[in-house]
């Protein structure tokens, strides 16, 4: 019996060594070879100009120059701007502001909202100047990263590599050939697959992350196998107990009930 266990153990270790040797190339990012090179047109990336639009449940920072009583934060106070909560955009896309009342800002960019509020405040304040910023711009990273969750976006957009770095990087069980970017609406989602092992993945669509995008890193085949083994472990343990009973029973009695050859 011990001989059988030794043979099985050596076989399993050998299989893992062979798997490790054959899969080392899958851990190389942006690998370049003769079949996978960037052309001059690809290296000169032309990013489209993008500005985030205000949506319901966004939080806005609204600053009125020289009027802290009308602003969401007093710029003269020694307060960290990152702690500002701002004003919440309601479900109908409006905000309720002092002096000018309810204003609809949903669907506007921060620049367009600032122009609108400057015009409204100019009715009551001389030399009004308003700046607007969206505070809770974020994307989400899921799957085989070390720290999955929400990642704040400071600018209007971010990059895929920045999000992965902010999430602690990929785990050893990440499928670097299957990184999905999910955006769009629930009725019309857009999914783009990024292969991080190829330089040809360096495209604007693959690198640019917009607010509310979801990045999902799929598990590789070894993780899926481990999950399958974990699910099968209760059955394996039961089978092991049965075999132990049969073998122990054979040693305790000569009846054919415990003779595994029959």
C-alpha atoms as a PDB file:
ATOM      1  CA  UNK A   1       0.000   0.000   0.000  1.00  0.00           C
ATOM      2  CA  UNK A   2       2.850   2.393   0.848  1.00  0.00           C
ATOM      3  CA  UNK A   3       4.434   1.609  -2.497  1.00  0.00           C
ATOM      4  CA  UNK A   4       1.286   2.653  -4.344  1.00  0.00           C
ATOM      5  CA  UNK A   5       1.154   5.921  -2.391  1.00  0.00           C
ATOM      6  CA  UNK A   6       4.768   6.711  -3.272  1.00  0.00           C
ATOM      7  CA  UNK A   7       4.139   6.094  -6.957  1.00  0.00           C
ATOM      8  CA  UNK A   8       1.059   8.337  -6.946  1.00  0.00           C
ATOM      9  CA  UNK A   9       2.922  11.101  -5.080  1.00  0.00           C
ATOM     10  CA  UNK A  10       5.835  11.077  -7.524  1.00  0.00           C
ATOM     11  CA  UNK A  11       3.419  11.140 -10.477  1.00  0.00           C
ATOM     12  CA  UNK A  12       1.602  14.203  -9.103  1.00  0.00           C
ATOM     13  CA  UNK A  13       4.871  16.076  -8.463  1.00  0.00           C
ATOM     14  CA  UNK A  14       6.089  15.259 -11.956  1.00  0.00           C
ATOM     15  CA  UNK A  15       2.868  16.564 -13.467  1.00  0.00           C
ATOM     16  CA  UNK A  16       3.212  19.853 -11.597  1.00  0.00           C
ATOM     17  CA  UNK A  17       6.814  20.252 -12.772  1.00  0.00           C
ATOM     18  CA  UNK A  18       5.811  19.651 -16.387  1.00  0.00           C
ATOM     19  CA  UNK A  19       2.951  22.128 -16.083  1.00  0.00           C
ATOM     20  CA  UNK A  20       5.281  24.764 -14.609  1.00  0.00           C
ATOM     21  CA  UNK A  21       7.802  24.366 -17.412  1.00  0.00           C
ATOM     22  CA  UNK A  22       5.208  24.548 -20.161  1.00  0.00           C
ATOM     23  CA  UNK A  23       3.342  27.575 -18.771  1.00  0.00           C
ATOM     24  CA  UNK A  24       6.159  30.022 -17.999  1.00  0.00           C
ATOM     25  CA  UNK A  25       5.507  31.999 -21.193  1.00  0.00           C
ATOM     26  CA  UNK A  26       1.992  32.818 -19.993  1.00  0.00           C
ATOM     27  CA  UNK A  27       3.461  35.037 -17.261  1.00  0.00           C
ATOM     28  CA  UNK A  28       5.237  37.342 -19.724  1.00  0.00           C
ATOM     29  CA  UNK A  29       3.421  40.632 -20.333  1.00  0.00           C
ATOM     30  CA  UNK A  30       3.558  42.459 -23.678  1.00  0.00           C
ATOM     31  CA  UNK A  31       5.754  39.807 -25.252  1.00  0.00           C
ATOM     32  CA  UNK A  32       7.200  40.823 -28.636  1.00  0.00           C
ATOM     33  CA  UNK A  33       8.217  38.454 -31.416  1.00  0.00           C
ATOM     34  CA  UNK A  34       8.228  38.344 -35.198  1.00  0.00           C
ATOM     35  CA  UNK A  35       4.513  37.635 -35.377  1.00  0.00           C
ATOM     36  CA  UNK A  36       3.641  40.216 -32.757  1.00  0.00           C
ATOM     37  CA  UNK A  37       5.194  43.635 -33.351  1.00  0.00           C
ATOM     38  CA  UNK A  38       3.740  47.104 -33.201  1.00  0.00           C
ATOM     39  CA  UNK A  39       3.506  49.106 -36.384  1.00  0.00           C
ATOM     40  CA  UNK A  40       4.241  52.819 -36.497  1.00  0.00           C
ATOM     41  CA  UNK A  41       0.525  53.541 -36.791  1.00  0.00           C
ATOM     42  CA  UNK A  42      -0.123  51.582 -33.585  1.00  0.00           C
ATOM     43  CA  UNK A  43       2.599  53.186 -31.513  1.00  0.00           C
ATOM     44  CA  UNK A  44       1.279  56.695 -32.206  1.00  0.00           C
ATOM     45  CA  UNK A  45      -1.833  56.276 -30.086  1.00  0.00           C
ATOM     46  CA  UNK A  46      -4.556  58.788 -30.829  1.00  0.00           C
ATOM     47  CA  UNK A  47      -6.731  59.100 -27.751  1.00  0.00           C
ATOM     48  CA  UNK A  48     -10.137  60.656 -28.236  1.00  0.00           C
ATOM     49  CA  UNK A  49     -10.920  63.634 -26.026  1.00  0.00           C
ATOM     50  CA  UNK A  50     -13.383  62.488 -23.375  1.00  0.00           C
ATOM     51  CA  UNK A  51     -15.180  64.411 -20.644  1.00  0.00           C
ATOM     52  CA  UNK A  52     -17.222  62.712 -17.943  1.00  0.00           C
ATOM     53  CA  UNK A  53     -20.896  63.588 -17.826  1.00  0.00           C
ATOM     54  CA  UNK A  54     -22.809  64.159 -14.628  1.00  0.00           C
ATOM     55  CA  UNK A  55     -25.134  61.304 -13.690  1.00  0.00           C
ATOM     56  CA  UNK A  56     -27.657  60.727 -10.889  1.00  0.00           C
ATOM     57  CA  UNK A  57     -25.961  59.757  -7.588  1.00  0.00           C
ATOM     58  CA  UNK A  58     -22.797  61.647  -8.542  1.00  0.00           C
ATOM     59  CA  UNK A  59     -21.340  63.919  -5.894  1.00  0.00           C
ATOM     60  CA  UNK A  60     -20.289  67.334  -7.128  1.00  0.00           C
ATOM     61  CA  UNK A  61     -17.792  69.821  -5.798  1.00  0.00           C
ATOM     62  CA  UNK A  62     -19.192  73.305  -6.532  1.00  0.00           C
ATOM     63  CA  UNK A  63     -16.969  76.279  -5.713  1.00  0.00           C
ATOM     64  CA  UNK A  64     -18.176  79.864  -6.140  1.00  0.00           C
ATOM     65  CA  UNK A  65     -15.261  82.292  -6.202  1.00  0.00           C
ATOM     66  CA  UNK A  66     -15.108  84.527  -3.080  1.00  0.00           C
ATOM     67  CA  UNK A  67     -18.358  83.015  -1.772  1.00  0.00           C
ATOM     68  CA  UNK A  68     -17.665  80.080   0.562  1.00  0.00           C
ATOM     69  CA  UNK A  69     -21.241  80.271   1.852  1.00  0.00           C
ATOM     70  CA  UNK A  70     -22.436  79.243  -1.608  1.00  0.00           C
ATOM     71  CA  UNK A  71     -19.758  76.580  -2.120  1.00  0.00           C
ATOM     72  CA  UNK A  72     -19.615  72.951  -1.040  1.00  0.00           C
ATOM     73  CA  UNK A  73     -16.189  73.595   0.494  1.00  0.00           C
ATOM     74  CA  UNK A  74     -14.361  76.624   1.825  1.00  0.00           C
ATOM     75  CA  UNK A  75     -11.119  76.809  -0.167  1.00  0.00           C
ATOM     76  CA  UNK A  76      -9.618  79.064   2.518  1.00  0.00           C
ATOM     77  CA  UNK A  77     -10.040  76.450   5.260  1.00  0.00           C
ATOM     78  CA  UNK A  78      -7.215  74.054   6.108  1.00  0.00           C
ATOM     79  CA  UNK A  79      -9.192  70.995   5.044  1.00  0.00           C
ATOM     80  CA  UNK A  80      -8.094  68.148   2.815  1.00  0.00           C
ATOM     81  CA  UNK A  81     -10.058  68.477  -0.475  1.00  0.00           C
ATOM     82  CA  UNK A  82     -10.180  64.674  -0.699  1.00  0.00           C
ATOM     83  CA  UNK A  83     -12.524  64.603   2.304  1.00  0.00           C
ATOM     84  CA  UNK A  84     -15.119  66.803   0.593  1.00  0.00           C
ATOM     85  CA  UNK A  85     -18.514  65.123   0.256  1.00  0.00           C
ATOM     86  CA  UNK A  86     -19.944  67.719  -2.094  1.00  0.00           C
ATOM     87  CA  UNK A  87     -23.596  67.819  -3.071  1.00  0.00           C
ATOM     88  CA  UNK A  88     -25.494  64.746  -4.246  1.00  0.00           C
ATOM     89  CA  UNK A  89     -27.203  64.688  -7.641  1.00  0.00           C
ATOM     90  CA  UNK A  90     -30.696  63.332  -7.060  1.00  0.00           C
ATOM     91  CA  UNK A  91     -32.335  60.560  -9.070  1.00  0.00           C
ATOM     92  CA  UNK A  92     -34.046  63.076 -11.337  1.00  0.00           C
ATOM     93  CA  UNK A  93     -30.673  64.634 -12.195  1.00  0.00           C
ATOM     94  CA  UNK A  94     -31.071  67.852 -10.201  1.00  0.00           C
ATOM     95  CA  UNK A  95     -29.229  69.524  -7.328  1.00  0.00           C
ATOM     96  CA  UNK A  96     -30.637  71.946  -4.771  1.00  0.00           C
ATOM     97  CA  UNK A  97     -28.210  74.847  -4.317  1.00  0.00           C
ATOM     98  CA  UNK A  98     -28.339  77.902  -2.078  1.00  0.00           C
ATOM     99  CA  UNK A  99     -29.648  81.128  -3.607  1.00  0.00           C
ATOM    100  CA  UNK A 100     -30.526  79.676  -7.049  1.00  0.00           C
ATOM    101  CA  UNK A 101     -32.562  76.655  -5.911  1.00  0.00           C
ATOM    102  CA  UNK A 102     -33.067  73.459  -7.942  1.00  0.00           C
ATOM    103  CA  UNK A 103     -30.966  73.118 -11.113  1.00  0.00           C
ATOM    104  CA  UNK A 104     -30.800  70.174 -13.508  1.00  0.00           C
ATOM    105  CA  UNK A 105     -27.202  69.147 -14.188  1.00  0.00           C
ATOM    106  CA  UNK A 106     -27.542  65.525 -15.285  1.00  0.00           C
ATOM    107  CA  UNK A 107     -26.147  64.887 -18.757  1.00  0.00           C
ATOM    108  CA  UNK A 108     -23.795  67.890 -18.658  1.00  0.00           C
ATOM    109  CA  UNK A 109     -20.027  67.785 -18.415  1.00  0.00           C
ATOM    110  CA  UNK A 110     -18.363  69.517 -15.480  1.00  0.00           C
ATOM    111  CA  UNK A 111     -17.414  72.407 -17.767  1.00  0.00           C
ATOM    112  CA  UNK A 112     -20.967  72.785 -19.080  1.00  0.00           C
ATOM    113  CA  UNK A 113     -22.360  72.655 -15.544  1.00  0.00           C
ATOM    114  CA  UNK A 114     -19.917  75.353 -14.422  1.00  0.00           C
ATOM    115  CA  UNK A 115     -21.011  77.607 -17.300  1.00  0.00           C
ATOM    116  CA  UNK A 116     -24.681  77.080 -16.419  1.00  0.00           C
ATOM    117  CA  UNK A 117     -24.166  77.782 -12.707  1.00  0.00           C
ATOM    118  CA  UNK A 118     -22.023  80.856 -13.451  1.00  0.00           C
ATOM    119  CA  UNK A 119     -24.880  82.253 -15.499  1.00  0.00           C
ATOM    120  CA  UNK A 120     -27.419  81.507 -12.752  1.00  0.00           C
ATOM    121  CA  UNK A 121     -25.315  82.962  -9.942  1.00  0.00           C
ATOM    122  CA  UNK A 122     -24.568  86.057 -12.017  1.00  0.00           C
ATOM    123  CA  UNK A 123     -28.187  87.046 -11.489  1.00  0.00           C
ATOM    124  CA  UNK A 124     -27.448  87.511  -7.784  1.00  0.00           C
ATOM    125  CA  UNK A 125     -23.652  87.852  -7.425  1.00  0.00           C
ATOM    126  CA  UNK A 126     -21.306  90.262  -9.182  1.00  0.00           C
ATOM    127  CA  UNK A 127     -18.403  88.748 -11.101  1.00  0.00           C
ATOM    128  CA  UNK A 128     -19.585  85.244 -10.380  1.00  0.00           C
ATOM    129  CA  UNK A 129     -17.194  82.441 -11.276  1.00  0.00           C
ATOM    130  CA  UNK A 130     -18.072  78.788 -10.606  1.00  0.00           C
ATOM    131  CA  UNK A 131     -16.028  75.603 -10.918  1.00  0.00           C
ATOM    132  CA  UNK A 132     -17.563  72.113 -10.860  1.00  0.00           C
ATOM    133  CA  UNK A 133     -15.874  68.760 -10.365  1.00  0.00           C
ATOM    134  CA  UNK A 134     -17.260  65.214 -10.125  1.00  0.00           C
ATOM    135  CA  UNK A 135     -15.947  63.695  -6.902  1.00  0.00           C
ATOM    136  CA  UNK A 136     -16.951  60.039  -7.105  1.00  0.00           C
ATOM    137  CA  UNK A 137     -15.556  58.937 -10.448  1.00  0.00           C
ATOM    138  CA  UNK A 138     -14.505  55.323 -10.100  1.00  0.00           C
ATOM    139  CA  UNK A 139     -14.012  52.021 -11.867  1.00  0.00           C
ATOM    140  CA  UNK A 140     -14.186  48.484 -10.514  1.00  0.00           C
ATOM    141  CA  UNK A 141     -11.606  45.692 -10.674  1.00  0.00           C
ATOM    142  CA  UNK A 142     -12.679  42.092 -10.087  1.00  0.00           C
ATOM    143  CA  UNK A 143     -11.256  38.610 -10.451  1.00  0.00           C
ATOM    144  CA  UNK A 144      -7.641  37.501 -10.106  1.00  0.00           C
ATOM    145  CA  UNK A 145      -6.066  40.668  -8.682  1.00  0.00           C
ATOM    146  CA  UNK A 146      -4.559  40.970  -5.224  1.00  0.00           C
ATOM    147  CA  UNK A 147      -6.893  43.736  -4.003  1.00  0.00           C
ATOM    148  CA  UNK A 148     -10.173  43.679  -5.938  1.00  0.00           C
ATOM    149  CA  UNK A 149     -12.654  46.489  -5.460  1.00  0.00           C
ATOM    150  CA  UNK A 150     -13.290  50.109  -6.362  1.00  0.00           C
ATOM    151  CA  UNK A 151     -10.554  52.315  -7.761  1.00  0.00           C
ATOM    152  CA  UNK A 152     -11.029  56.093  -7.764  1.00  0.00           C
ATOM    153  CA  UNK A 153     -10.391  57.973 -11.018  1.00  0.00           C
ATOM    154  CA  UNK A 154      -8.920  61.427 -10.482  1.00  0.00           C
ATOM    155  CA  UNK A 155      -8.969  62.575 -14.100  1.00  0.00           C
ATOM    156  CA  UNK A 156     -11.792  62.045 -16.588  1.00  0.00           C
ATOM    157  CA  UNK A 157     -10.234  58.720 -17.600  1.00  0.00           C
ATOM    158  CA  UNK A 158      -7.632  56.291 -16.317  1.00  0.00           C
ATOM    159  CA  UNK A 159      -5.622  53.451 -17.859  1.00  0.00           C
ATOM    160  CA  UNK A 160      -5.971  49.695 -17.554  1.00  0.00           C
ATOM    161  CA  UNK A 161      -2.409  49.307 -16.300  1.00  0.00           C
ATOM    162  CA  UNK A 162      -2.950  51.987 -13.650  1.00  0.00           C
ATOM    163  CA  UNK A 163      -6.063  50.218 -12.372  1.00  0.00           C
ATOM    164  CA  UNK A 164      -4.301  46.861 -12.222  1.00  0.00           C
ATOM    165  CA  UNK A 165      -1.363  48.432 -10.387  1.00  0.00           C
ATOM    166  CA  UNK A 166      -3.727  50.165  -7.923  1.00  0.00           C
ATOM    167  CA  UNK A 167      -5.302  46.756  -7.254  1.00  0.00           C
ATOM    168  CA  UNK A 168      -1.975  45.228  -6.265  1.00  0.00           C
ATOM    169  CA  UNK A 169      -1.255  43.585  -9.599  1.00  0.00           C
ATOM    170  CA  UNK A 170      -2.291  40.214 -10.988  1.00  0.00           C
ATOM    171  CA  UNK A 171      -2.216  37.032  -8.921  1.00  0.00           C
ATOM    172  CA  UNK A 172      -0.320  33.926  -9.990  1.00  0.00           C
ATOM    173  CA  UNK A 173      -3.627  32.398 -11.055  1.00  0.00           C
ATOM    174  CA  UNK A 174      -4.645  35.236 -13.416  1.00  0.00           C
ATOM    175  CA  UNK A 175      -5.216  34.437 -17.078  1.00  0.00           C
ATOM    176  CA  UNK A 176      -3.164  37.215 -18.650  1.00  0.00           C
ATOM    177  CA  UNK A 177      -4.701  36.476 -22.029  1.00  0.00           C
ATOM    178  CA  UNK A 178      -8.260  37.104 -20.823  1.00  0.00           C
ATOM    179  CA  UNK A 179      -8.699  40.485 -19.167  1.00  0.00           C
ATOM    180  CA  UNK A 180     -12.180  41.823 -19.877  1.00  0.00           C
ATOM    181  CA  UNK A 181     -13.295  45.458 -19.889  1.00  0.00           C
ATOM    182  CA  UNK A 182     -17.069  45.791 -19.487  1.00  0.00           C
ATOM    183  CA  UNK A 183     -18.827  49.089 -20.113  1.00  0.00           C
ATOM    184  CA  UNK A 184     -22.049  50.441 -21.573  1.00  0.00           C
ATOM    185  CA  UNK A 185     -25.561  49.946 -20.227  1.00  0.00           C
ATOM    186  CA  UNK A 186     -27.344  46.925 -18.846  1.00  0.00           C
ATOM    187  CA  UNK A 187     -29.378  46.581 -22.043  1.00  0.00           C
ATOM    188  CA  UNK A 188     -26.402  47.191 -24.334  1.00  0.00           C
ATOM    189  CA  UNK A 189     -23.161  46.135 -22.663  1.00  0.00           C
ATOM    190  CA  UNK A 190     -19.826  46.340 -24.459  1.00  0.00           C
ATOM    191  CA  UNK A 191     -17.152  43.769 -23.659  1.00  0.00           C
ATOM    192  CA  UNK A 192     -13.570  43.992 -24.857  1.00  0.00           C
ATOM    193  CA  UNK A 193     -11.025  41.250 -24.283  1.00  0.00           C
ATOM    194  CA  UNK A 194      -7.402  42.314 -23.689  1.00  0.00           C
ATOM    195  CA  UNK A 195      -4.459  39.946 -24.078  1.00  0.00           C
ATOM    196  CA  UNK A 196      -1.707  41.318 -21.848  1.00  0.00           C
ATOM    197  CA  UNK A 197       0.851  38.932 -23.311  1.00  0.00           C
ATOM    198  CA  UNK A 198       0.829  40.727 -26.672  1.00  0.00           C
ATOM    199  CA  UNK A 199       2.096  44.153 -27.612  1.00  0.00           C
ATOM    200  CA  UNK A 200      -0.765  44.452 -30.062  1.00  0.00           C
ATOM    201  CA  UNK A 201      -3.048  44.927 -27.047  1.00  0.00           C
ATOM    202  CA  UNK A 202      -1.660  48.457 -26.629  1.00  0.00           C
ATOM    203  CA  UNK A 203      -4.644  50.144 -28.270  1.00  0.00           C
ATOM    204  CA  UNK A 204      -6.654  53.139 -27.036  1.00  0.00           C
ATOM    205  CA  UNK A 205      -9.771  51.031 -26.430  1.00  0.00           C
ATOM    206  CA  UNK A 206      -7.807  48.511 -24.394  1.00  0.00           C
ATOM    207  CA  UNK A 207      -5.826  51.009 -22.340  1.00  0.00           C
ATOM    208  CA  UNK A 208      -8.431  53.715 -21.641  1.00  0.00           C
ATOM    209  CA  UNK A 209     -10.718  53.148 -18.658  1.00  0.00           C
ATOM    210  CA  UNK A 210     -13.786  55.348 -18.265  1.00  0.00           C
ATOM    211  CA  UNK A 211     -15.788  55.969 -15.078  1.00  0.00           C
ATOM    212  CA  UNK A 212     -18.041  53.053 -14.089  1.00  0.00           C
ATOM    213  CA  UNK A 213     -16.090  50.580 -16.234  1.00  0.00           C
ATOM    214  CA  UNK A 214     -15.620  47.065 -14.840  1.00  0.00           C
ATOM    215  CA  UNK A 215     -12.316  45.231 -15.316  1.00  0.00           C
ATOM    216  CA  UNK A 216     -12.536  41.469 -14.813  1.00  0.00           C
ATOM    217  CA  UNK A 217      -9.422  39.274 -14.791  1.00  0.00           C
ATOM    218  CA  UNK A 218     -10.365  35.675 -15.508  1.00  0.00           C
ATOM    219  CA  UNK A 219      -8.773  32.768 -13.594  1.00  0.00           C
ATOM    220  CA  UNK A 220      -6.395  30.567 -15.540  1.00  0.00           C
ATOM    221  CA  UNK A 221      -6.854  26.849 -16.136  1.00  0.00           C
ATOM    222  CA  UNK A 222      -4.871  25.914 -13.034  1.00  0.00           C
ATOM    223  CA  UNK A 223      -7.135  27.964 -10.786  1.00  0.00           C
ATOM    224  CA  UNK A 224     -10.185  26.368 -12.404  1.00  0.00           C
ATOM    225  CA  UNK A 225      -8.687  22.925 -11.820  1.00  0.00           C
ATOM    226  CA  UNK A 226      -8.002  23.774  -8.180  1.00  0.00           C
ATOM    227  CA  UNK A 227     -11.578  24.953  -7.748  1.00  0.00           C
ATOM    228  CA  UNK A 228     -12.790  21.690  -9.289  1.00  0.00           C
ATOM    229  CA  UNK A 229     -10.591  19.690  -6.923  1.00  0.00           C
ATOM    230  CA  UNK A 230     -11.841  21.721  -3.956  1.00  0.00           C
ATOM    231  CA  UNK A 231     -15.430  20.969  -4.926  1.00  0.00           C
ATOM    232  CA  UNK A 232     -14.597  17.260  -5.280  1.00  0.00           C
ATOM    233  CA  UNK A 233     -12.738  17.022  -1.952  1.00  0.00           C
ATOM    234  CA  UNK A 234     -15.790  16.005   0.164  1.00  0.00           C
ATOM    235  CA  UNK A 235     -16.416  13.069  -2.181  1.00  0.00           C
ATOM    236  CA  UNK A 236     -12.723  12.132  -2.160  1.00  0.00           C
ATOM    237  CA  UNK A 237     -12.674  12.158   1.646  1.00  0.00           C
ATOM    238  CA  UNK A 238     -15.740   9.886   1.778  1.00  0.00           C
ATOM    239  CA  UNK A 239     -14.143   7.483  -0.705  1.00  0.00           C
ATOM    240  CA  UNK A 240     -10.933   7.499   1.349  1.00  0.00           C
ATOM    241  CA  UNK A 241     -12.858   6.593   4.492  1.00  0.00           C
ATOM    242  CA  UNK A 242     -14.614   3.723   2.711  1.00  0.00           C
ATOM    243  CA  UNK A 243     -11.306   2.377   1.394  1.00  0.00           C
ATOM    244  CA  UNK A 244      -9.768   2.605   4.870  1.00  0.00           C
ATOM    245  CA  UNK A 245     -12.676   0.629   6.293  1.00  0.00           C
ATOM    246  CA  UNK A 246     -12.311  -2.024   3.584  1.00  0.00           C
ATOM    247  CA  UNK A 247      -8.560  -2.386   4.028  1.00  0.00           C
ATOM    248  CA  UNK A 248      -8.763  -2.419   7.819  1.00  0.00           C
ATOM    249  CA  UNK A 249     -11.655  -4.849   7.672  1.00  0.00           C
ATOM    250  CA  UNK A 250      -9.643  -7.220   5.484  1.00  0.00           C
ATOM    251  CA  UNK A 251      -6.959  -7.374   8.136  1.00  0.00           C
ATOM    252  CA  UNK A 252      -9.474  -8.060  10.913  1.00  0.00           C
ATOM    253  CA  UNK A 253     -11.539 -10.822   9.270  1.00  0.00           C
ATOM    254  CA  UNK A 254     -11.306 -13.526   6.647  1.00  0.00           C
ATOM    255  CA  UNK A 255     -14.868 -13.114   5.395  1.00  0.00           C
ATOM    256  CA  UNK A 256     -15.378 -12.260   1.733  1.00  0.00           C
ATOM    257  CA  UNK A 257     -17.310  -9.116   2.716  1.00  0.00           C
ATOM    258  CA  UNK A 258     -14.003  -7.312   3.305  1.00  0.00           C
ATOM    259  CA  UNK A 259     -12.027  -8.970   0.530  1.00  0.00           C
ATOM    260  CA  UNK A 260     -11.544  -6.188  -2.050  1.00  0.00           C
ATOM    261  CA  UNK A 261     -10.540  -8.725  -4.701  1.00  0.00           C
ATOM    262  CA  UNK A 262     -14.172  -9.862  -4.779  1.00  0.00           C
END
